[in-house]
Amino acid sequence: MPNLPPVSQADLIAAMATFDAEHRGRGRFARWPTAADKFALAHQGRYYPPKIIISLATGIGVNAFSGGAESTAYTDKRALVTVMIDDPLREALRAANQPPPQEV
């Protein structure tokens, strides 16, 4: 696996803004986090999938590096907070990703 290129904390935070604008609640992220997702980045009251944020910031595909320890070490070096996704947080995040009910 290739080494992840170095990016700054600001680059990762910019990737979070991109995720919010272009991916949150859409496509495969409409059901994020899934049962397979164990960790999230926490930033300013919002949560993000670590591998996707790293991928957006570095341009490296998510299949080119591992989640868990590798992703956490990478984001920890840049002073970002990684949290474990427990069942209550998983349900809250899924509910937050649901589109608002349509008026009849």
C-alpha atoms as a PDB file:
ATOM      1  CA  MET A   1       0.000   0.000   0.000  1.00  0.00           C
ATOM      2  CA  PRO A   2       1.297   3.468  -0.770  1.00  0.00           C
ATOM      3  CA  ASN A   3       2.102   5.858   2.025  1.00  0.00           C
ATOM      4  CA  LEU A   4      -0.448   8.591   2.434  1.00  0.00           C
ATOM      5  CA  PRO A   5       0.895  11.943   1.297  1.00  0.00           C
ATOM      6  CA  PRO A   6       1.234  14.514   4.049  1.00  0.00           C
ATOM      7  CA  VAL A   7      -1.552  17.054   4.291  1.00  0.00           C
ATOM      8  CA  SER A   8      -2.270  19.628   6.962  1.00  0.00           C
ATOM      9  CA  GLN A   9      -5.052  19.727   9.504  1.00  0.00           C
ATOM     10  CA  ALA A  10      -6.530  22.587   7.442  1.00  0.00           C
ATOM     11  CA  ASP A  11      -6.590  20.322   4.373  1.00  0.00           C
ATOM     12  CA  LEU A  12      -8.545  17.684   6.314  1.00  0.00           C
ATOM     13  CA  ILE A  13     -10.967  20.304   7.632  1.00  0.00           C
ATOM     14  CA  ALA A  14     -11.449  21.586   4.069  1.00  0.00           C
ATOM     15  CA  ALA A  15     -12.222  17.986   3.057  1.00  0.00           C
ATOM     16  CA  MET A  16     -14.891  17.922   5.790  1.00  0.00           C
ATOM     17  CA  ALA A  17     -16.500  21.004   4.231  1.00  0.00           C
ATOM     18  CA  THR A  18     -16.419  19.258   0.849  1.00  0.00           C
ATOM     19  CA  PHE A  19     -18.023  16.183   2.407  1.00  0.00           C
ATOM     20  CA  ASP A  20     -20.779  18.342   3.945  1.00  0.00           C
ATOM     21  CA  ALA A  21     -21.453  20.141   0.651  1.00  0.00           C
ATOM     22  CA  GLU A  22     -21.201  17.241  -1.772  1.00  0.00           C
ATOM     23  CA  HIS A  23     -21.601  13.902  -0.008  1.00  0.00           C
ATOM     24  CA  ARG A  24     -23.394  14.076   3.351  1.00  0.00           C
ATOM     25  CA  GLY A  25     -26.746  12.297   3.197  1.00  0.00           C
ATOM     26  CA  ARG A  26     -26.314  11.436  -0.492  1.00  0.00           C
ATOM     27  CA  GLY A  27     -25.646   8.214  -2.351  1.00  0.00           C
ATOM     28  CA  ARG A  28     -23.764   5.692  -0.259  1.00  0.00           C
ATOM     29  CA  PHE A  29     -23.521   8.208   2.580  1.00  0.00           C
ATOM     30  CA  ALA A  30     -27.296   8.378   3.004  1.00  0.00           C
ATOM     31  CA  ARG A  31     -26.956   5.338   5.284  1.00  0.00           C
ATOM     32  CA  TRP A  32     -23.656   6.290   6.958  1.00  0.00           C
ATOM     33  CA  PRO A  33     -22.568   4.972   9.352  1.00  0.00           C
ATOM     34  CA  THR A  34     -23.180   1.346   8.498  1.00  0.00           C
ATOM     35  CA  ALA A  35     -22.607  -1.537  10.903  1.00  0.00           C
ATOM     36  CA  ALA A  36     -19.098  -1.881   9.460  1.00  0.00           C
ATOM     37  CA  ASP A  37     -18.143   1.690  10.393  1.00  0.00           C
ATOM     38  CA  LYS A  38     -16.425   1.708  13.774  1.00  0.00           C
ATOM     39  CA  PHE A  39     -14.936   5.220  13.981  1.00  0.00           C
ATOM     40  CA  ALA A  40     -15.800   8.795  13.079  1.00  0.00           C
ATOM     41  CA  LEU A  41     -13.951  12.071  13.085  1.00  0.00           C
ATOM     42  CA  ALA A  42     -15.635  14.586  15.380  1.00  0.00           C
ATOM     43  CA  HIS A  43     -15.291  18.249  14.439  1.00  0.00           C
ATOM     44  CA  GLN A  44     -17.397  21.216  15.540  1.00  0.00           C
ATOM     45  CA  GLY A  45     -20.363  19.065  16.554  1.00  0.00           C
ATOM     46  CA  ARG A  46     -20.419  17.018  13.364  1.00  0.00           C
ATOM     47  CA  TYR A  47     -19.127  13.546  12.543  1.00  0.00           C
ATOM     48  CA  TYR A  48     -17.312  12.349   9.450  1.00  0.00           C
ATOM     49  CA  PRO A  49     -16.140   9.035   7.943  1.00  0.00           C
ATOM     50  CA  PRO A  50     -12.345   9.137   8.451  1.00  0.00           C
ATOM     51  CA  LYS A  51     -11.294   7.245   5.323  1.00  0.00           C
ATOM     52  CA  ILE A  52     -13.434   9.432   3.086  1.00  0.00           C
ATOM     53  CA  ILE A  53     -12.075  12.629   4.631  1.00  0.00           C
ATOM     54  CA  ILE A  54      -8.496  11.403   4.230  1.00  0.00           C
ATOM     55  CA  SER A  55      -9.237  10.356   0.642  1.00  0.00           C
ATOM     56  CA  LEU A  56     -10.778  13.730  -0.218  1.00  0.00           C
ATOM     57  CA  ALA A  57      -7.815  15.582   1.319  1.00  0.00           C
ATOM     58  CA  THR A  58      -5.056  13.444  -0.196  1.00  0.00           C
ATOM     59  CA  GLY A  59      -6.551  12.303  -3.496  1.00  0.00           C
ATOM     60  CA  ILE A  60      -5.735   8.689  -2.557  1.00  0.00           C
ATOM     61  CA  GLY A  61      -8.555   6.167  -3.072  1.00  0.00           C
ATOM     62  CA  VAL A  62     -10.102   4.586   0.017  1.00  0.00           C
ATOM     63  CA  ASN A  63      -9.030   1.120  -1.116  1.00  0.00           C
ATOM     64  CA  ALA A  64      -5.351   2.156  -1.087  1.00  0.00           C
ATOM     65  CA  PHE A  65      -5.118   2.438   2.711  1.00  0.00           C
ATOM     66  CA  SER A  66      -6.723   0.886   5.749  1.00  0.00           C
ATOM     67  CA  GLY A  67      -9.162   2.314   8.201  1.00  0.00           C
ATOM     68  CA  GLY A  68      -8.888   1.841  11.917  1.00  0.00           C
ATOM     69  CA  ALA A  69      -5.333   2.190  13.210  1.00  0.00           C
ATOM     70  CA  GLU A  70      -3.806   3.632  10.008  1.00  0.00           C
ATOM     71  CA  SER A  71      -6.500   6.266   9.521  1.00  0.00           C
ATOM     72  CA  THR A  72      -6.603   7.144  13.205  1.00  0.00           C
ATOM     73  CA  ALA A  73      -2.816   7.550  13.421  1.00  0.00           C
ATOM     74  CA  TYR A  74      -2.923   9.806  10.359  1.00  0.00           C
ATOM     75  CA  THR A  75      -5.652  12.074  11.742  1.00  0.00           C
ATOM     76  CA  ASP A  76      -4.257  12.000  15.300  1.00  0.00           C
ATOM     77  CA  LYS A  77      -0.974  13.430  13.967  1.00  0.00           C
ATOM     78  CA  ARG A  78      -3.024  16.361  12.695  1.00  0.00           C
ATOM     79  CA  ALA A  79      -4.804  16.880  16.046  1.00  0.00           C
ATOM     80  CA  LEU A  80      -8.230  15.693  14.899  1.00  0.00           C
ATOM     81  CA  VAL A  81     -10.496  13.776  17.248  1.00  0.00           C
ATOM     82  CA  THR A  82     -11.512  10.207  16.423  1.00  0.00           C
ATOM     83  CA  VAL A  83     -14.420   8.678  18.320  1.00  0.00           C
ATOM     84  CA  MET A  84     -15.743   5.145  18.412  1.00  0.00           C
ATOM     85  CA  ILE A  85     -19.219   4.806  16.938  1.00  0.00           C
ATOM     86  CA  ASP A  86     -21.437   3.103  19.495  1.00  0.00           C
ATOM     87  CA  ASP A  87     -25.048   2.113  18.794  1.00  0.00           C
ATOM     88  CA  PRO A  88     -26.652   5.344  20.113  1.00  0.00           C
ATOM     89  CA  LEU A  89     -24.290   7.509  18.052  1.00  0.00           C
ATOM     90  CA  ARG A  90     -24.846   5.304  14.982  1.00  0.00           C
ATOM     91  CA  GLU A  91     -28.620   5.733  15.259  1.00  0.00           C
ATOM     92  CA  ALA A  92     -28.335   9.498  15.811  1.00  0.00           C
ATOM     93  CA  LEU A  93     -26.078   9.898  12.773  1.00  0.00           C
ATOM     94  CA  ARG A  94     -28.373   7.821  10.577  1.00  0.00           C
ATOM     95  CA  ALA A  95     -31.373   9.862  11.700  1.00  0.00           C
ATOM     96  CA  ALA A  96     -29.501  13.091  10.946  1.00  0.00           C
ATOM     97  CA  ASN A  97     -28.781  11.889   7.397  1.00  0.00           C
ATOM     98  CA  GLN A  98     -32.448  11.297   6.606  1.00  0.00           C
ATOM     99  CA  PRO A  99     -34.085  13.846   4.316  1.00  0.00           C
ATOM    100  CA  PRO A 100     -36.728  16.027   5.969  1.00  0.00           C
ATOM    101  CA  PRO A 101     -40.309  14.793   5.615  1.00  0.00           C
ATOM    102  CA  GLN A 102     -42.114  16.211   2.625  1.00  0.00           C
ATOM    103  CA  GLU A 103     -45.188  18.297   3.210  1.00  0.00           C
ATOM    104  CA  VAL A 104     -48.434  16.952   1.808  1.00  0.00           C
END
